Amino acid sequence: MFQIIYTCYKELGRSRDEAVARLLDIRHDVETTGTYDHTYDELTHGAQMAWRNSNCCIGRLVWDKLLFL
């Protein structure tokens, strides 16, 4: 979980401090509720990263054009 947040925030142009702060928020949520919610940016970029890293999909070359409605 930690690496995906660091990678996502780095690719979104955010600082490492922002990623660390987000991880602290995630840890707090998990400790108090047993779960946490991704932010919209984490969800959208995570989906783009998954598509980009999918070796079986020829359409992955345009991963950064994926739109969310």
N, C-alpha and C. Protein backbone atom coordinates (compact mmCIF):
# COMPACT_ATOMS: atom_id res chain seq x y z
N MET A 1 0.82 -1.19 0.00
CA MET A 1 0.00 0.00 0.00
C MET A 1 0.87 1.26 0.00
N PHE A 2 1.93 1.25 0.77
CA PHE A 2 2.75 2.46 0.89
C PHE A 2 3.36 2.85 -0.45
N GLN A 3 3.89 1.86 -1.17
CA GLN A 3 4.57 2.16 -2.42
C GLN A 3 3.64 2.76 -3.46
N ILE A 4 2.41 2.26 -3.52
CA ILE A 4 1.48 2.80 -4.52
C ILE A 4 1.15 4.26 -4.22
N ILE A 5 1.04 4.62 -2.96
CA ILE A 5 0.77 6.02 -2.62
C ILE A 5 1.97 6.89 -2.98
N TYR A 6 3.17 6.44 -2.65
CA TYR A 6 4.37 7.20 -3.00
C TYR A 6 4.48 7.38 -4.52
N THR A 7 4.26 6.30 -5.26
CA THR A 7 4.36 6.36 -6.72
C THR A 7 3.29 7.27 -7.30
N CYS A 8 2.09 7.12 -6.84
CA CYS A 8 0.97 7.93 -7.33
C CYS A 8 1.23 9.41 -7.09
N TYR A 9 1.61 9.76 -5.89
CA TYR A 9 1.84 11.17 -5.56
C TYR A 9 3.03 11.73 -6.33
N LYS A 10 4.06 10.93 -6.52
CA LYS A 10 5.22 11.39 -7.29
C LYS A 10 4.82 11.67 -8.74
N GLU A 11 4.05 10.74 -9.34
CA GLU A 11 3.63 10.91 -10.73
C GLU A 11 2.63 12.06 -10.88
N LEU A 12 1.91 12.39 -9.84
CA LEU A 12 0.98 13.51 -9.89
C LEU A 12 1.66 14.84 -9.60
N GLY A 13 2.97 14.80 -9.34
CA GLY A 13 3.73 16.02 -9.10
C GLY A 13 3.61 16.56 -7.69
N ARG A 14 3.22 15.69 -6.78
CA ARG A 14 3.09 16.11 -5.39
C ARG A 14 4.35 15.76 -4.62
N SER A 15 4.54 16.42 -3.50
CA SER A 15 5.76 16.22 -2.72
C SER A 15 5.70 14.94 -1.89
N ARG A 16 6.86 14.51 -1.48
CA ARG A 16 6.94 13.33 -0.61
C ARG A 16 6.25 13.63 0.73
N ASP A 17 6.34 14.87 1.19
CA ASP A 17 5.68 15.25 2.44
C ASP A 17 4.16 15.08 2.34
N GLU A 18 3.61 15.41 1.17
CA GLU A 18 2.18 15.22 0.98
C GLU A 18 1.82 13.73 1.02
N ALA A 19 2.67 12.90 0.43
CA ALA A 19 2.43 11.45 0.45
C ALA A 19 2.50 10.92 1.87
N VAL A 20 3.48 11.39 2.64
CA VAL A 20 3.62 10.95 4.03
C VAL A 20 2.40 11.39 4.84
N ALA A 21 1.95 12.61 4.63
CA ALA A 21 0.76 13.10 5.34
C ALA A 21 -0.46 12.25 4.99
N ARG A 22 -0.58 11.90 3.71
CA ARG A 22 -1.71 11.06 3.29
C ARG A 22 -1.63 9.68 3.93
N LEU A 23 -0.44 9.12 4.00
CA LEU A 23 -0.28 7.81 4.63
C LEU A 23 -0.63 7.86 6.11
N LEU A 24 -0.32 8.95 6.77
CA LEU A 24 -0.71 9.11 8.17
C LEU A 24 -2.23 9.16 8.30
N ASP A 25 -2.88 9.87 7.37
CA ASP A 25 -4.35 9.90 7.36
C ASP A 25 -4.93 8.51 7.14
N ILE A 26 -4.35 7.77 6.20
CA ILE A 26 -4.81 6.40 5.92
C ILE A 26 -4.65 5.54 7.16
N ARG A 27 -3.50 5.63 7.80
CA ARG A 27 -3.25 4.83 9.00
C ARG A 27 -4.27 5.15 10.09
N HIS A 28 -4.54 6.43 10.28
CA HIS A 28 -5.51 6.84 11.29
C HIS A 28 -6.89 6.26 10.97
N ASP A 29 -7.31 6.37 9.71
CA ASP A 29 -8.61 5.84 9.31
C ASP A 29 -8.70 4.33 9.53
N VAL A 30 -7.65 3.61 9.17
CA VAL A 30 -7.64 2.16 9.32
C VAL A 30 -7.69 1.78 10.80
N GLU A 31 -6.94 2.51 11.61
CA GLU A 31 -6.93 2.20 13.05
C GLU A 31 -8.27 2.50 13.71
N THR A 32 -8.98 3.52 13.25
CA THR A 32 -10.23 3.89 13.90
C THR A 32 -11.46 3.21 13.29
N THR A 33 -11.43 2.97 11.98
CA THR A 33 -12.61 2.40 11.33
C THR A 33 -12.38 1.03 10.71
N GLY A 34 -11.13 0.66 10.54
CA GLY A 34 -10.81 -0.62 9.91
C GLY A 34 -10.71 -0.54 8.40
N THR A 35 -10.91 0.64 7.85
CA THR A 35 -10.86 0.83 6.40
C THR A 35 -10.51 2.28 6.08
N TYR A 36 -10.32 2.57 4.81
CA TYR A 36 -10.11 3.95 4.38
C TYR A 36 -10.64 4.11 2.96
N ASP A 37 -10.88 5.34 2.56
CA ASP A 37 -11.35 5.65 1.21
C ASP A 37 -10.24 6.34 0.43
N HIS A 38 -10.08 5.91 -0.82
CA HIS A 38 -9.15 6.60 -1.70
C HIS A 38 -9.71 7.96 -2.07
N THR A 39 -8.82 8.89 -2.36
CA THR A 39 -9.27 10.17 -2.90
C THR A 39 -9.59 9.98 -4.38
N TYR A 40 -10.28 10.93 -4.97
CA TYR A 40 -10.60 10.86 -6.40
C TYR A 40 -9.31 10.76 -7.22
N ASP A 41 -8.32 11.58 -6.89
CA ASP A 41 -7.06 11.56 -7.63
C ASP A 41 -6.35 10.21 -7.51
N GLU A 42 -6.39 9.61 -6.33
CA GLU A 42 -5.77 8.29 -6.14
C GLU A 42 -6.48 7.24 -6.98
N LEU A 43 -7.80 7.29 -7.00
CA LEU A 43 -8.56 6.31 -7.79
C LEU A 43 -8.32 6.46 -9.28
N THR A 44 -8.38 7.69 -9.77
CA THR A 44 -8.23 7.88 -11.21
C THR A 44 -6.80 7.57 -11.66
N HIS A 45 -5.83 8.04 -10.93
CA HIS A 45 -4.45 7.76 -11.34
C HIS A 45 -4.11 6.29 -11.13
N GLY A 46 -4.66 5.68 -10.09
CA GLY A 46 -4.44 4.25 -9.87
C GLY A 46 -4.99 3.41 -11.02
N ALA A 47 -6.16 3.78 -11.53
CA ALA A 47 -6.73 3.07 -12.68
C ALA A 47 -5.86 3.27 -13.92
N GLN A 48 -5.36 4.48 -14.10
CA GLN A 48 -4.47 4.74 -15.23
C GLN A 48 -3.18 3.93 -15.10
N MET A 49 -2.63 3.86 -13.89
CA MET A 49 -1.42 3.08 -13.66
C MET A 49 -1.66 1.60 -13.95
N ALA A 50 -2.81 1.08 -13.53
CA ALA A 50 -3.13 -0.33 -13.77
C ALA A 50 -3.23 -0.61 -15.26
N TRP A 51 -3.87 0.29 -16.00
CA TRP A 51 -4.00 0.11 -17.44
C TRP A 51 -2.62 0.20 -18.11
N ARG A 52 -1.83 1.16 -17.69
CA ARG A 52 -0.48 1.34 -18.24
C ARG A 52 0.37 0.10 -18.02
N ASN A 53 0.21 -0.54 -16.88
CA ASN A 53 1.06 -1.69 -16.52
C ASN A 53 0.49 -3.03 -16.96
N SER A 54 -0.63 -3.03 -17.69
CA SER A 54 -1.25 -4.26 -18.16
C SER A 54 -0.58 -4.70 -19.46
N ASN A 55 0.16 -5.78 -19.41
CA ASN A 55 0.89 -6.25 -20.59
C ASN A 55 0.00 -6.84 -21.66
N CYS A 56 -1.21 -7.26 -21.31
CA CYS A 56 -2.06 -7.95 -22.29
C CYS A 56 -2.97 -7.00 -23.07
N CYS A 57 -2.89 -5.71 -22.84
CA CYS A 57 -3.79 -4.77 -23.50
C CYS A 57 -3.01 -3.87 -24.44
N ILE A 58 -3.34 -3.95 -25.73
CA ILE A 58 -2.64 -3.12 -26.71
C ILE A 58 -3.00 -1.64 -26.54
N GLY A 59 -4.19 -1.35 -26.00
CA GLY A 59 -4.62 0.02 -25.82
C GLY A 59 -3.91 0.75 -24.70
N ARG A 60 -3.06 0.06 -23.98
CA ARG A 60 -2.40 0.68 -22.83
C ARG A 60 -1.45 1.80 -23.22
N LEU A 61 -1.11 1.89 -24.47
CA LEU A 61 -0.19 2.94 -24.91
C LEU A 61 -0.79 4.33 -24.73
N VAL A 62 -2.09 4.42 -24.62
CA VAL A 62 -2.76 5.71 -24.42
C VAL A 62 -3.36 5.79 -23.02
N TRP A 63 -2.70 5.17 -22.06
CA TRP A 63 -3.20 5.10 -20.69
C TRP A 63 -3.50 6.47 -20.09
N ASP A 64 -2.73 7.46 -20.46
CA ASP A 64 -2.91 8.79 -19.87
C ASP A 64 -4.10 9.55 -20.47
N LYS A 65 -4.78 8.97 -21.45
CA LYS A 65 -5.97 9.58 -22.04
C LYS A 65 -7.26 9.03 -21.43
N LEU A 66 -7.14 8.07 -20.50
CA LEU A 66 -8.31 7.47 -19.87
C LEU A 66 -9.09 8.53 -19.10
N LEU A 67 -10.38 8.63 -19.40
CA LEU A 67 -11.24 9.62 -18.77
C LEU A 67 -12.23 8.93 -17.85
N PHE A 68 -12.62 9.61 -16.79
CA PHE A 68 -13.56 9.08 -15.82
C PHE A 68 -14.77 9.99 -15.74
N LEU A 69 -15.93 9.37 -15.79
CA LEU A 69 -17.18 10.13 -15.72
C LEU A 69 -17.84 9.91 -14.40
